[in-house]
Amino acid sequence: MEQLTHVFRGLLGVIVFVGIAVALSENRRAISWRIVVMGLVLQFVFAGLVLHVGFVRSAVEFVGSGFVKLLDFTNAGTRFVFGSLLDTSKHGVIFGLAILPTVIFFSAFTSMLYYMGILQKIVWAFAWVMSKTMRLSGAETLSASANIFLGQTEAPLLIKPYLATMTRSELLCVMIGGMATIAGGVMLIYITMLGGPDPQQQIVFATHLITKSVISAPAALMIAKILLPQTEAVSQDLTITKEKIGSNLLDAICIGTTDGLRLAVNIGGMLIVFTALVAFFNYILSAWIGGPTGLNLWVESVTQGTFKSFSLEFILGIFCAPIAWLMGIDGPFILASGQLLGTRTVLNEFVAYLQLGELKAAGKFTDPRSLVILTYALCGFANIVSIGIQVGGIGALAPSQRGNLAKLGVKALIGGSLACFLTACVAGMLI
């Protein structure tokens, strides 16, 4: 009975989130319901295979264990440079030393696979399935498939020759695909945050994060074609650009290392700034408003201690709580989940996952099912800052499209969020 309730709630969430996309569509009459149905079917098929078919789950867990093994390789290099600073018994977990180096190593590893042509073949296989089932252009399915492994500005490199002539609908697909997924390097960070030091828990969350990245591709394409239906003729060519990163393998590794270092520093800087800003706004809300008006005591009372004062987390939690409920998250964890969803959108997913990991470690988020649903919902770059990143990054590859990218930014943010929520609904129904 309980499972049936979860299924009905998940279906309601799917209907509501798809309905929001339809309501915001630029051309409702042009929506291809075949694409919508096939997008949903692919999500359920991919997720169902991983979660309920033994040999498929074993295969994905094997890939997940490979990601976990990459963490060990990263630690070997980090220990060589920083020595005893990585001894958690003495210093605890130092985020900048224990976690951020994974971004650097994975960026170099990905560049190596890209140069060797291995990554392109995997991307092509996913793109072929989606282009044949959803009947979309080759370029947009290639980009969405590349986002399973690469970030929102790296994946478009695979379709660089097509970007300048893409339609607005195809561009929106590229943008939403980037916002609905995460890069492989930051996936390693989230595996560490959620799995903690336990290798088995790391494999569990690696499996879910990989599954989420895979089902996000059809979800992103589906939402994009609802928000901005394709009305022009497009090419279904699946040819991937032969352009390589670097002049040889060592050069590719060096370029990947440099890019990863830049990204790691960027992540560290954002976490410092955004965490400080949250503390700043919480001080104003709590000390200047909540204290004198009695709001602090009221918030603590009505949330039964979930929030100790009037804060940014409380406001986001109230605003996004209905979204958490629609995804299948239950009573005691709805407000905290709403807060994390709001944090992901307003700030970024790094801060949200960091807070989720802290809640889990402190024993304040004890429902495994809700934890998995949130893992899917938060797994994406759909935040305000990403609009600027995409306009700058993709715009540099196709300067003539910069105006369209800027105009589609907010729509891409909404679409990326809806795609993440849909994948969480699917996970909630199948768990």
Protein backbone atom coordinates (compact mmCIF):
# COMPACT_ATOMS: atom_id res chain seq x y z
CA MET A 1 0.00 0.00 0.00
CA GLU A 2 2.82 2.35 0.92
CA GLN A 3 4.58 1.68 -2.40
CA LEU A 4 1.32 2.39 -4.24
CA THR A 5 1.09 5.74 -2.44
CA HIS A 6 4.65 6.57 -3.54
CA VAL A 7 3.75 5.73 -7.14
CA PHE A 8 0.64 7.92 -7.13
CA ARG A 9 2.53 10.82 -5.54
CA GLY A 10 5.32 10.45 -8.11
CA LEU A 11 2.84 10.40 -10.98
CA LEU A 12 1.22 13.54 -9.58
CA GLY A 13 4.66 15.16 -9.48
CA VAL A 14 5.35 14.18 -13.09
CA ILE A 15 1.98 15.62 -14.19
CA VAL A 16 2.56 18.87 -12.28
CA PHE A 17 6.13 19.41 -13.51
CA VAL A 18 5.24 18.58 -17.12
CA GLY A 19 2.17 20.82 -16.73
CA ILE A 20 4.38 23.72 -15.61
CA ALA A 21 6.53 23.25 -18.71
CA VAL A 22 3.42 23.18 -20.94
CA ALA A 23 2.09 26.34 -19.28
CA LEU A 24 5.40 28.12 -20.00
CA SER A 25 5.69 26.79 -23.57
CA GLU A 26 6.20 29.31 -26.38
CA ASN A 27 4.00 27.27 -28.72
CA ARG A 28 1.70 24.76 -27.01
CA ARG A 29 0.09 23.67 -30.27
CA ALA A 30 3.45 22.62 -31.68
CA ILE A 31 4.37 20.35 -28.74
CA SER A 32 5.14 16.83 -29.94
CA TRP A 33 3.49 14.54 -27.41
CA ARG A 34 5.37 11.64 -28.93
CA ILE A 35 8.61 13.23 -27.72
CA VAL A 36 7.08 13.76 -24.26
CA VAL A 37 5.94 10.14 -24.01
CA MET A 38 9.25 8.75 -25.30
CA GLY A 39 11.20 11.03 -22.95
CA LEU A 40 9.27 9.67 -19.96
CA VAL A 41 9.54 6.09 -21.19
CA LEU A 42 13.33 6.34 -21.57
CA GLN A 43 13.63 7.71 -18.04
CA PHE A 44 11.61 4.85 -16.56
CA VAL A 45 13.38 2.25 -18.69
CA PHE A 46 16.90 3.46 -17.86
CA ALA A 47 16.12 3.88 -14.14
CA GLY A 48 14.15 0.65 -13.92
CA LEU A 49 16.95 -1.34 -15.52
CA VAL A 50 19.49 -0.01 -13.02
CA LEU A 51 17.32 -0.23 -9.91
CA HIS A 52 15.55 -3.54 -10.55
CA VAL A 53 17.46 -5.65 -13.10
CA GLY A 54 20.30 -7.47 -11.39
CA PHE A 55 22.94 -7.66 -14.11
CA VAL A 56 22.36 -4.04 -15.21
CA ARG A 57 22.61 -2.80 -11.64
CA SER A 58 25.79 -4.86 -11.18
CA ALA A 59 27.25 -3.29 -14.31
CA VAL A 60 26.45 0.26 -13.12
CA GLU A 61 27.78 -0.57 -9.63
CA PHE A 62 30.96 -1.78 -11.33
CA VAL A 63 31.24 1.61 -13.05
CA GLY A 64 30.44 3.26 -9.71
CA SER A 65 33.19 1.28 -8.00
CA GLY A 66 35.49 2.56 -10.76
CA PHE A 67 34.60 6.13 -9.78
CA VAL A 68 35.30 5.26 -6.13
CA LYS A 69 38.63 3.77 -7.18
CA LEU A 70 39.46 7.05 -8.88
CA LEU A 71 39.07 8.65 -5.45
CA ASP A 72 41.80 6.32 -4.14
CA PHE A 73 44.09 7.25 -7.00
CA THR A 74 43.45 10.94 -6.31
CA ASN A 75 44.23 10.44 -2.61
CA ALA A 76 47.58 8.87 -3.53
CA GLY A 77 48.60 12.01 -5.40
CA THR A 78 47.18 14.34 -2.76
CA ARG A 79 48.97 12.53 0.08
CA PHE A 80 52.25 12.85 -1.81
CA VAL A 81 51.84 16.65 -1.95
CA PHE A 82 50.16 17.41 1.40
CA GLY A 83 51.35 14.51 3.58
CA SER A 84 49.94 14.29 7.10
CA LEU A 85 47.44 17.09 6.48
CA LEU A 86 45.20 14.36 5.03
CA ASP A 87 45.27 12.40 8.31
CA THR A 88 41.63 12.75 9.39
CA SER A 89 42.39 11.46 12.90
CA LYS A 90 44.54 14.55 13.48
CA HIS A 91 42.92 17.27 11.39
CA GLY A 92 39.46 15.99 10.45
CA VAL A 93 38.36 16.31 6.83
CA ILE A 94 39.87 19.39 5.18
CA PHE A 95 37.55 20.04 2.25
CA GLY A 96 40.09 21.90 0.12
CA LEU A 97 42.66 19.09 0.41
CA ALA A 98 40.56 15.94 0.67
CA ILE A 99 37.82 16.66 -1.85
CA LEU A 100 38.71 19.39 -4.35
CA PRO A 101 41.74 17.52 -5.80
CA THR A 102 39.31 14.92 -7.22
CA VAL A 103 38.15 17.58 -9.71
CA ILE A 104 41.71 18.10 -10.93
CA PHE A 105 42.44 14.41 -11.43
CA PHE A 106 39.12 13.60 -13.11
CA SER A 107 39.47 16.56 -15.47
CA ALA A 108 42.88 15.23 -16.57
CA PHE A 109 41.49 11.68 -16.83
CA THR A 110 38.55 12.85 -18.95
CA SER A 111 40.86 14.80 -21.26
CA MET A 112 42.91 11.65 -21.73
CA LEU A 113 39.80 9.62 -22.66
CA TYR A 114 38.67 12.43 -24.99
CA TYR A 115 42.02 12.55 -26.78
CA MET A 116 41.98 8.73 -27.22
CA GLY A 117 38.45 8.90 -28.70
CA ILE A 118 36.97 6.57 -26.07
CA LEU A 119 34.59 9.13 -24.54
CA GLN A 120 33.19 10.09 -27.95
CA LYS A 121 32.21 6.48 -28.70
CA ILE A 122 30.30 6.15 -25.42
CA VAL A 123 28.53 9.47 -26.03
CA TRP A 124 27.64 8.43 -29.59
CA ALA A 125 25.97 5.23 -28.32
CA PHE A 126 23.67 7.15 -25.94
CA ALA A 127 22.94 9.75 -28.61
CA TRP A 128 22.02 7.08 -31.17
CA VAL A 129 19.40 5.57 -28.82
CA MET A 130 17.80 8.94 -28.07
CA SER A 131 17.89 10.25 -31.63
CA LYS A 132 16.14 7.12 -32.92
CA THR A 133 13.51 6.95 -30.17
CA MET A 134 12.79 10.67 -29.77
CA ARG A 135 13.55 11.63 -33.41
CA LEU A 136 15.54 14.72 -32.54
CA SER A 137 18.51 16.30 -34.28
CA GLY A 138 21.88 14.61 -34.00
CA ALA A 139 23.61 17.66 -32.53
CA GLU A 140 21.25 18.16 -29.58
CA THR A 141 21.19 14.46 -28.66
CA LEU A 142 25.00 14.33 -28.86
CA SER A 143 25.27 17.31 -26.53
CA ALA A 144 22.71 15.90 -24.06
CA SER A 145 24.54 12.55 -24.06
CA ALA A 146 27.91 14.25 -23.54
CA ASN A 147 26.48 16.00 -20.47
CA ILE A 148 26.28 12.58 -18.79
CA PHE A 149 30.07 12.78 -18.47
CA LEU A 150 31.08 16.38 -19.17
CA GLY A 151 30.16 19.81 -17.80
CA GLN A 152 27.85 22.40 -19.31
CA THR A 153 30.60 24.18 -21.24
CA GLU A 154 32.73 21.11 -22.12
CA ALA A 155 29.94 18.99 -23.69
CA PRO A 156 29.19 21.55 -26.47
CA LEU A 157 32.77 21.07 -27.70
CA LEU A 158 31.59 17.77 -29.21
CA ILE A 159 29.14 19.66 -31.45
CA LYS A 160 31.13 22.86 -32.00
CA PRO A 161 30.69 22.82 -35.84
CA TYR A 162 26.89 22.73 -35.44
CA LEU A 163 26.45 25.48 -32.81
CA ALA A 164 26.47 28.49 -35.15
CA THR A 165 23.56 27.17 -37.25
CA MET A 166 21.46 25.65 -34.46
CA THR A 167 17.82 26.69 -34.09
CA ARG A 168 16.63 28.31 -30.84
CA SER A 169 14.95 25.03 -29.89
CA GLU A 170 18.20 23.09 -30.36
CA LEU A 171 20.16 25.72 -28.39
CA LEU A 172 17.69 25.42 -25.53
CA CYS A 173 18.23 21.64 -25.55
CA VAL A 174 21.98 22.19 -25.22
CA MET A 175 21.48 24.65 -22.34
CA ILE A 176 18.93 22.58 -20.42
CA GLY A 177 21.05 19.47 -20.91
CA GLY A 178 23.93 21.30 -19.23
CA MET A 179 21.81 22.51 -16.33
CA ALA A 180 20.07 19.16 -15.70
CA THR A 181 23.33 17.24 -15.23
CA ILE A 182 26.70 17.57 -13.51
CA ALA A 183 30.28 17.00 -14.66
CA GLY A 184 32.13 13.80 -13.78
CA GLY A 185 34.67 15.64 -11.65
CA VAL A 186 32.11 17.16 -9.31
CA MET A 187 30.29 13.81 -9.22
CA LEU A 188 33.33 12.47 -7.37
CA ILE A 189 32.94 15.28 -4.85
CA TYR A 190 29.30 14.39 -4.19
CA ILE A 191 30.16 10.70 -3.85
CA THR A 192 32.56 11.68 -1.07
CA MET A 193 30.09 14.09 0.56
CA LEU A 194 27.20 11.62 0.64
CA GLY A 195 29.06 8.34 1.05
CA GLY A 196 31.50 9.56 3.68
CA PRO A 197 34.56 7.35 4.34
CA ASP A 198 32.62 4.07 3.80
CA PRO A 199 33.52 2.59 0.37
CA GLN A 200 30.23 0.64 0.17
CA GLN A 201 28.19 3.79 0.78
CA GLN A 202 30.29 5.58 -1.80
CA ILE A 203 29.43 2.90 -4.39
CA VAL A 204 25.71 3.18 -3.51
CA PHE A 205 25.66 6.92 -4.12
CA ALA A 206 27.94 6.62 -7.15
CA THR A 207 25.38 4.23 -8.66
CA HIS A 208 22.53 6.66 -8.04
CA LEU A 209 24.46 9.66 -9.36
CA ILE A 210 25.44 7.81 -12.53
CA THR A 211 21.83 6.68 -13.01
CA LYS A 212 20.62 10.22 -12.50
CA SER A 213 23.03 11.59 -15.08
CA VAL A 214 21.85 9.01 -17.64
CA ILE A 215 18.11 9.60 -17.17
CA SER A 216 18.62 13.37 -17.11
CA ALA A 217 19.51 13.32 -20.81
CA PRO A 218 16.03 12.30 -22.08
CA ALA A 219 14.40 14.40 -19.33
CA ALA A 220 16.26 17.51 -20.49
CA LEU A 221 15.46 16.90 -24.16
CA MET A 222 11.78 16.33 -23.36
CA ILE A 223 11.41 19.48 -21.25
CA ALA A 224 13.27 21.57 -23.84
CA LYS A 225 10.92 20.44 -26.61
CA ILE A 226 7.91 21.35 -24.46
CA LEU A 227 9.20 24.81 -23.55
CA LEU A 228 10.33 25.58 -27.11
CA PRO A 229 9.00 23.06 -29.66
CA GLN A 230 11.01 22.39 -32.81
CA THR A 231 9.18 23.67 -35.89
CA GLU A 232 12.07 23.88 -38.38
CA ALA A 233 13.69 20.99 -40.25
CA VAL A 234 16.86 19.76 -38.53
CA SER A 235 19.71 17.39 -39.36
CA GLN A 236 19.89 14.00 -37.65
CA ASP A 237 23.59 13.65 -38.46
CA LEU A 238 25.43 12.07 -35.50
CA THR A 239 28.94 12.87 -36.67
CA ILE A 240 31.16 13.97 -33.78
CA THR A 241 33.83 16.58 -34.40
CA LYS A 242 37.33 15.11 -34.83
CA GLU A 243 38.85 18.02 -32.94
CA LYS A 244 41.06 16.75 -30.12
CA ILE A 245 42.18 18.30 -26.84
CA GLY A 246 45.94 18.83 -27.06
CA SER A 247 48.57 17.95 -29.64
CA ASN A 248 49.40 14.59 -28.02
CA LEU A 249 48.35 12.48 -25.04
CA LEU A 250 50.65 14.20 -22.53
CA ASP A 251 49.52 17.62 -23.73
CA ALA A 252 45.89 16.53 -23.31
CA ILE A 253 46.57 15.42 -19.72
CA CYS A 254 48.32 18.71 -18.95
CA ILE A 255 45.45 20.76 -20.42
CA GLY A 256 42.93 18.70 -18.43
CA THR A 257 44.97 19.22 -15.25
CA THR A 258 45.09 22.99 -15.79
CA ASP A 259 41.34 23.13 -16.51
CA GLY A 260 40.63 21.00 -13.45
CA LEU A 261 42.78 23.21 -11.25
CA ARG A 262 40.91 26.26 -12.48
CA LEU A 263 37.58 24.54 -11.75
CA ALA A 264 38.69 23.37 -8.29
CA VAL A 265 39.79 26.88 -7.33
CA ASN A 266 36.49 28.23 -8.68
CA ILE A 267 34.51 25.71 -6.61
CA GLY A 268 36.49 26.49 -3.47
CA GLY A 269 36.06 30.23 -4.00
CA MET A 270 32.30 29.89 -4.58
CA LEU A 271 31.87 27.80 -1.44
CA ILE A 272 33.75 30.36 0.65
CA VAL A 273 31.78 33.31 -0.77
CA PHE A 274 28.33 31.72 -0.80
CA THR A 275 28.70 30.18 2.66
CA ALA A 276 29.77 33.59 3.96
CA LEU A 277 26.84 35.30 2.21
CA VAL A 278 24.37 32.80 3.71
CA ALA A 279 25.81 33.51 7.16
CA PHE A 280 25.55 37.26 6.49
CA PHE A 281 21.88 37.13 5.42
CA ASN A 282 21.02 34.75 8.25
CA TYR A 283 22.53 37.20 10.75
CA ILE A 284 20.32 40.00 9.39
CA LEU A 285 17.19 37.82 9.34
CA SER A 286 17.80 36.33 12.78
CA ALA A 287 19.41 39.15 14.79
CA TRP A 288 17.72 42.18 13.23
CA ILE A 289 14.30 40.74 12.37
CA GLY A 290 13.71 37.39 14.06
CA GLY A 291 14.93 38.40 17.53
CA PRO A 292 13.07 41.70 18.08
CA THR A 293 9.82 40.42 16.53
CA GLY A 294 9.77 37.01 18.18
CA LEU A 295 9.97 35.25 14.79
CA ASN A 296 12.91 33.14 15.93
CA LEU A 297 10.90 31.47 18.69
CA TRP A 298 7.89 31.05 16.38
CA VAL A 299 10.00 29.40 13.64
CA GLU A 300 11.60 27.00 16.13
CA SER A 301 8.18 26.13 17.53
CA VAL A 302 6.31 25.53 14.25
CA THR A 303 9.19 23.54 12.71
CA GLN A 304 9.67 21.51 15.91
CA GLY A 305 13.32 22.49 16.07
CA THR A 306 14.18 21.79 12.41
CA PHE A 307 15.08 25.49 12.11
CA LYS A 308 16.33 27.34 15.16
CA SER A 309 15.62 30.86 13.93
CA PHE A 310 14.19 32.96 11.11
CA SER A 311 16.72 32.34 8.35
CA LEU A 312 17.32 32.04 4.64
CA GLU A 313 17.07 28.25 5.00
CA PHE A 314 13.61 28.57 6.58
CA ILE A 315 12.34 30.87 3.81
CA LEU A 316 13.65 28.56 1.07
CA GLY A 317 12.30 25.54 2.92
CA ILE A 318 8.76 26.98 3.05
CA PHE A 319 8.84 28.09 -0.59
CA CYS A 320 10.17 24.79 -1.99
CA ALA A 321 8.46 22.37 0.42
CA PRO A 322 5.58 21.63 -2.04
CA ILE A 323 8.16 20.60 -4.65
CA ALA A 324 9.78 18.22 -2.16
CA TRP A 325 6.35 16.71 -1.34
CA LEU A 326 5.52 16.20 -5.02
CA MET A 327 8.78 14.31 -5.51
CA GLY A 328 7.77 11.87 -2.77
CA ILE A 329 9.62 13.16 0.30
CA ASP A 330 7.72 12.59 3.54
CA GLY A 331 6.70 14.71 6.54
CA PRO A 332 9.66 15.26 8.88
CA PHE A 333 12.09 15.92 6.04
CA ILE A 334 9.97 18.15 3.78
CA LEU A 335 11.14 21.52 5.12
CA ALA A 336 14.81 20.54 5.19
CA SER A 337 14.48 19.15 1.65
CA GLY A 338 12.76 22.31 0.46
CA GLN A 339 15.58 24.35 1.92
CA LEU A 340 18.18 22.29 0.03
CA LEU A 341 16.23 22.59 -3.25
CA GLY A 342 16.06 26.35 -2.81
CA THR A 343 19.73 26.55 -1.93
CA ARG A 344 20.63 24.63 -5.12
CA THR A 345 18.68 27.09 -7.28
CA VAL A 346 19.59 30.38 -5.58
CA LEU A 347 23.21 29.52 -4.73
CA ASN A 348 24.48 26.24 -6.23
CA GLU A 349 24.42 22.48 -5.83
CA PHE A 350 27.83 22.44 -4.11
CA VAL A 351 26.42 24.27 -1.10
CA ALA A 352 23.24 22.13 -1.15
CA TYR A 353 25.12 18.83 -1.27
CA LEU A 354 27.53 20.02 1.41
CA GLN A 355 24.59 20.83 3.69
CA LEU A 356 22.91 17.49 2.87
CA GLY A 357 26.12 15.62 3.69
CA GLU A 358 26.37 17.48 7.01
CA LEU A 359 22.74 16.68 7.86
CA LYS A 360 23.32 13.01 7.03
CA ALA A 361 26.54 12.82 9.06
CA ALA A 362 24.85 14.49 12.05
CA GLY A 363 21.97 11.97 11.97
CA LYS A 364 19.38 14.66 11.16
CA PHE A 365 18.43 13.16 7.78
CA THR A 366 17.77 9.50 8.51
CA ASP A 367 15.23 8.46 5.84
CA PRO A 368 17.20 6.55 3.14
CA ARG A 369 14.43 6.96 0.55
CA SER A 370 14.20 10.74 0.94
CA LEU A 371 17.99 10.93 0.85
CA VAL A 372 18.08 9.12 -2.51
CA ILE A 373 15.29 11.29 -3.96
CA LEU A 374 17.20 14.43 -2.96
CA THR A 375 20.37 12.97 -4.47
CA TYR A 376 18.56 12.93 -7.83
CA ALA A 377 16.83 16.31 -7.38
CA LEU A 378 19.99 18.24 -6.46
CA CYS A 379 22.17 16.62 -9.13
CA GLY A 380 22.33 19.41 -11.70
CA PHE A 381 23.86 22.79 -12.51
CA ALA A 382 20.43 24.51 -12.59
CA ASN A 383 21.25 27.68 -10.69
CA ILE A 384 21.33 31.39 -11.45
CA VAL A 385 25.12 31.54 -11.87
CA SER A 386 24.98 28.87 -14.60
CA ILE A 387 23.14 31.26 -16.91
CA GLY A 388 26.22 33.47 -17.07
CA ILE A 389 28.53 30.45 -17.37
CA GLN A 390 26.61 29.12 -20.36
CA VAL A 391 26.28 32.46 -22.12
CA GLY A 392 30.02 33.00 -21.73
CA GLY A 393 31.19 29.43 -22.38
CA ILE A 394 28.91 28.38 -25.24
CA GLY A 395 28.91 31.94 -26.60
CA ALA A 396 32.70 31.75 -26.96
CA LEU A 397 32.26 28.68 -29.21
CA ALA A 398 29.54 30.34 -31.32
CA PRO A 399 29.67 34.16 -30.93
CA SER A 400 26.74 34.64 -33.33
CA GLN A 401 24.47 32.79 -30.91
CA ARG A 402 25.34 34.85 -27.82
CA GLY A 403 22.14 36.93 -28.09
CA ASN A 404 19.94 33.83 -28.28
CA LEU A 405 21.79 32.23 -25.38
CA ALA A 406 21.20 35.29 -23.19
CA LYS A 407 17.50 35.42 -24.07
CA LEU A 408 17.05 31.70 -23.33
CA GLY A 409 18.93 31.80 -20.01
CA VAL A 410 15.98 31.99 -17.61
CA LYS A 411 14.00 29.43 -19.64
CA ALA A 412 17.00 27.08 -19.47
CA LEU A 413 17.20 27.51 -15.68
CA ILE A 414 13.51 26.63 -15.31
CA GLY A 415 13.85 23.71 -17.73
CA GLY A 416 16.93 22.33 -16.00
CA SER A 417 15.19 22.48 -12.62
CA LEU A 418 12.06 20.75 -13.97
CA ALA A 419 14.21 18.01 -15.55
CA CYS A 420 15.92 17.38 -12.19
CA PHE A 421 12.57 17.26 -10.40
CA LEU A 422 11.23 14.78 -12.95
CA THR A 423 14.15 12.40 -12.47
CA ALA A 424 13.59 12.60 -8.70
CA CYS A 425 9.92 11.66 -9.21
CA VAL A 426 10.94 8.67 -11.33
CA ALA A 427 13.44 7.55 -8.67
CA GLY A 428 10.83 8.03 -5.93
CA MET A 429 8.36 5.76 -7.76
CA LEU A 430 10.90 3.01 -8.47
CA ILE A 431 12.70 2.85 -5.13
